[in-house]
Amino acid sequence: MALLNTTAAAARLGISPRRIAALIVAGRLPAQKIGRDWLIEETDLALVAERRPGNRTGRPRRKVSD
């Protein structure tokens, strides 16, 4: 069981550390807080690795006419 901080977890997933923090706050990524750092188990990264990119909510994109 390897524990990663938010910076190392972000590097593994190819996203920013702020996005990792947002996933933790949203409850989508389990983590434990030790001191000032959030620690994530390496095996838990699989929970968010297969996520859909982009924000699907909100205003639809404009249709492009040819």
C-alpha atoms as a PDB file:
ATOM      1  CA  MET A   1       0.000   0.000   0.000  1.00  0.00           C
ATOM      2  CA  ALA A   2       1.645   3.172  -1.219  1.00  0.00           C
ATOM      3  CA  LEU A   3       0.384   6.569  -0.134  1.00  0.00           C
ATOM      4  CA  LEU A   4       0.680   9.535  -2.487  1.00  0.00           C
ATOM      5  CA  ASN A   5       0.262  13.223  -1.795  1.00  0.00           C
ATOM      6  CA  THR A   6      -1.892  15.368  -4.069  1.00  0.00           C
ATOM      7  CA  THR A   7       1.050  16.419  -6.244  1.00  0.00           C
ATOM      8  CA  ALA A   8       2.179  12.844  -6.898  1.00  0.00           C
ATOM      9  CA  ALA A   9      -1.400  11.655  -7.493  1.00  0.00           C
ATOM     10  CA  ALA A  10      -1.957  14.498  -9.961  1.00  0.00           C
ATOM     11  CA  ALA A  11       1.213  13.585 -11.857  1.00  0.00           C
ATOM     12  CA  ARG A  12       0.066   9.957 -12.110  1.00  0.00           C
ATOM     13  CA  LEU A  13      -3.334  10.963 -13.508  1.00  0.00           C
ATOM     14  CA  GLY A  14      -2.097  13.825 -15.679  1.00  0.00           C
ATOM     15  CA  ILE A  15      -4.271  16.445 -13.982  1.00  0.00           C
ATOM     16  CA  SER A  16      -3.599  19.358 -11.645  1.00  0.00           C
ATOM     17  CA  PRO A  17      -3.236  19.067  -7.868  1.00  0.00           C
ATOM     18  CA  ARG A  18      -6.203  21.445  -7.523  1.00  0.00           C
ATOM     19  CA  ARG A  19      -8.349  18.972  -9.478  1.00  0.00           C
ATOM     20  CA  ILE A  20      -7.240  16.197  -7.103  1.00  0.00           C
ATOM     21  CA  ALA A  21      -8.292  18.381  -4.160  1.00  0.00           C
ATOM     22  CA  ALA A  22     -11.664  19.017  -5.821  1.00  0.00           C
ATOM     23  CA  LEU A  23     -12.203  15.274  -6.306  1.00  0.00           C
ATOM     24  CA  ILE A  24     -11.412  14.702  -2.618  1.00  0.00           C
ATOM     25  CA  VAL A  25     -13.825  17.429  -1.476  1.00  0.00           C
ATOM     26  CA  ALA A  26     -16.538  16.064  -3.799  1.00  0.00           C
ATOM     27  CA  GLY A  27     -16.116  12.625  -2.228  1.00  0.00           C
ATOM     28  CA  ARG A  28     -15.101  10.944  -5.486  1.00  0.00           C
ATOM     29  CA  LEU A  29     -11.542  10.221  -4.329  1.00  0.00           C
ATOM     30  CA  PRO A  30     -10.993   8.748  -0.854  1.00  0.00           C
ATOM     31  CA  ALA A  31      -8.147  10.366   1.057  1.00  0.00           C
ATOM     32  CA  GLN A  32      -6.956  10.931   4.579  1.00  0.00           C
ATOM     33  CA  LYS A  33      -5.576  14.163   5.942  1.00  0.00           C
ATOM     34  CA  ILE A  34      -2.281  13.889   7.801  1.00  0.00           C
ATOM     35  CA  GLY A  35      -1.149  17.281   9.066  1.00  0.00           C
ATOM     36  CA  ARG A  36      -1.630  19.693   6.190  1.00  0.00           C
ATOM     37  CA  ASP A  37      -1.364  17.080   3.425  1.00  0.00           C
ATOM     38  CA  TRP A  38      -3.982  14.843   1.866  1.00  0.00           C
ATOM     39  CA  LEU A  39      -2.740  11.289   1.297  1.00  0.00           C
ATOM     40  CA  ILE A  40      -4.308   9.014  -1.284  1.00  0.00           C
ATOM     41  CA  GLU A  41      -3.818   5.286  -1.600  1.00  0.00           C
ATOM     42  CA  GLU A  42      -2.349   4.393  -4.966  1.00  0.00           C
ATOM     43  CA  THR A  43      -5.048   1.783  -5.579  1.00  0.00           C
ATOM     44  CA  ASP A  44      -7.784   4.425  -5.139  1.00  0.00           C
ATOM     45  CA  LEU A  45      -6.562   6.341  -8.199  1.00  0.00           C
ATOM     46  CA  ALA A  46      -8.394   3.790 -10.339  1.00  0.00           C
ATOM     47  CA  LEU A  47     -11.683   5.220  -9.033  1.00  0.00           C
ATOM     48  CA  VAL A  48     -11.158   8.453 -10.950  1.00  0.00           C
ATOM     49  CA  ALA A  49      -8.807   7.314 -13.721  1.00  0.00           C
ATOM     50  CA  GLU A  50     -11.695   6.267 -15.977  1.00  0.00           C
ATOM     51  CA  ARG A  51     -13.534   9.566 -15.758  1.00  0.00           C
ATOM     52  CA  ARG A  52     -15.185  11.338 -18.645  1.00  0.00           C
ATOM     53  CA  PRO A  53     -13.319  14.494 -19.618  1.00  0.00           C
ATOM     54  CA  GLY A  54     -15.020  17.868 -19.570  1.00  0.00           C
ATOM     55  CA  ASN A  55     -18.012  19.322 -17.859  1.00  0.00           C
ATOM     56  CA  ARG A  56     -21.230  17.842 -19.236  1.00  0.00           C
ATOM     57  CA  THR A  57     -23.524  20.218 -17.397  1.00  0.00           C
ATOM     58  CA  GLY A  58     -24.382  23.732 -18.387  1.00  0.00           C
ATOM     59  CA  ARG A  59     -25.089  25.398 -21.643  1.00  0.00           C
ATOM     60  CA  PRO A  60     -24.848  23.259 -24.808  1.00  0.00           C
ATOM     61  CA  ARG A  61     -22.212  24.068 -27.373  1.00  0.00           C
ATOM     62  CA  ARG A  62     -23.075  26.170 -30.378  1.00  0.00           C
ATOM     63  CA  LYS A  63     -23.682  24.217 -33.582  1.00  0.00           C
ATOM     64  CA  VAL A  64     -21.180  24.995 -36.319  1.00  0.00           C
ATOM     65  CA  SER A  65     -22.701  25.359 -39.771  1.00  0.00           C
ATOM     66  CA  ASP A  66     -20.682  24.443 -42.851  1.00  0.00           C
END
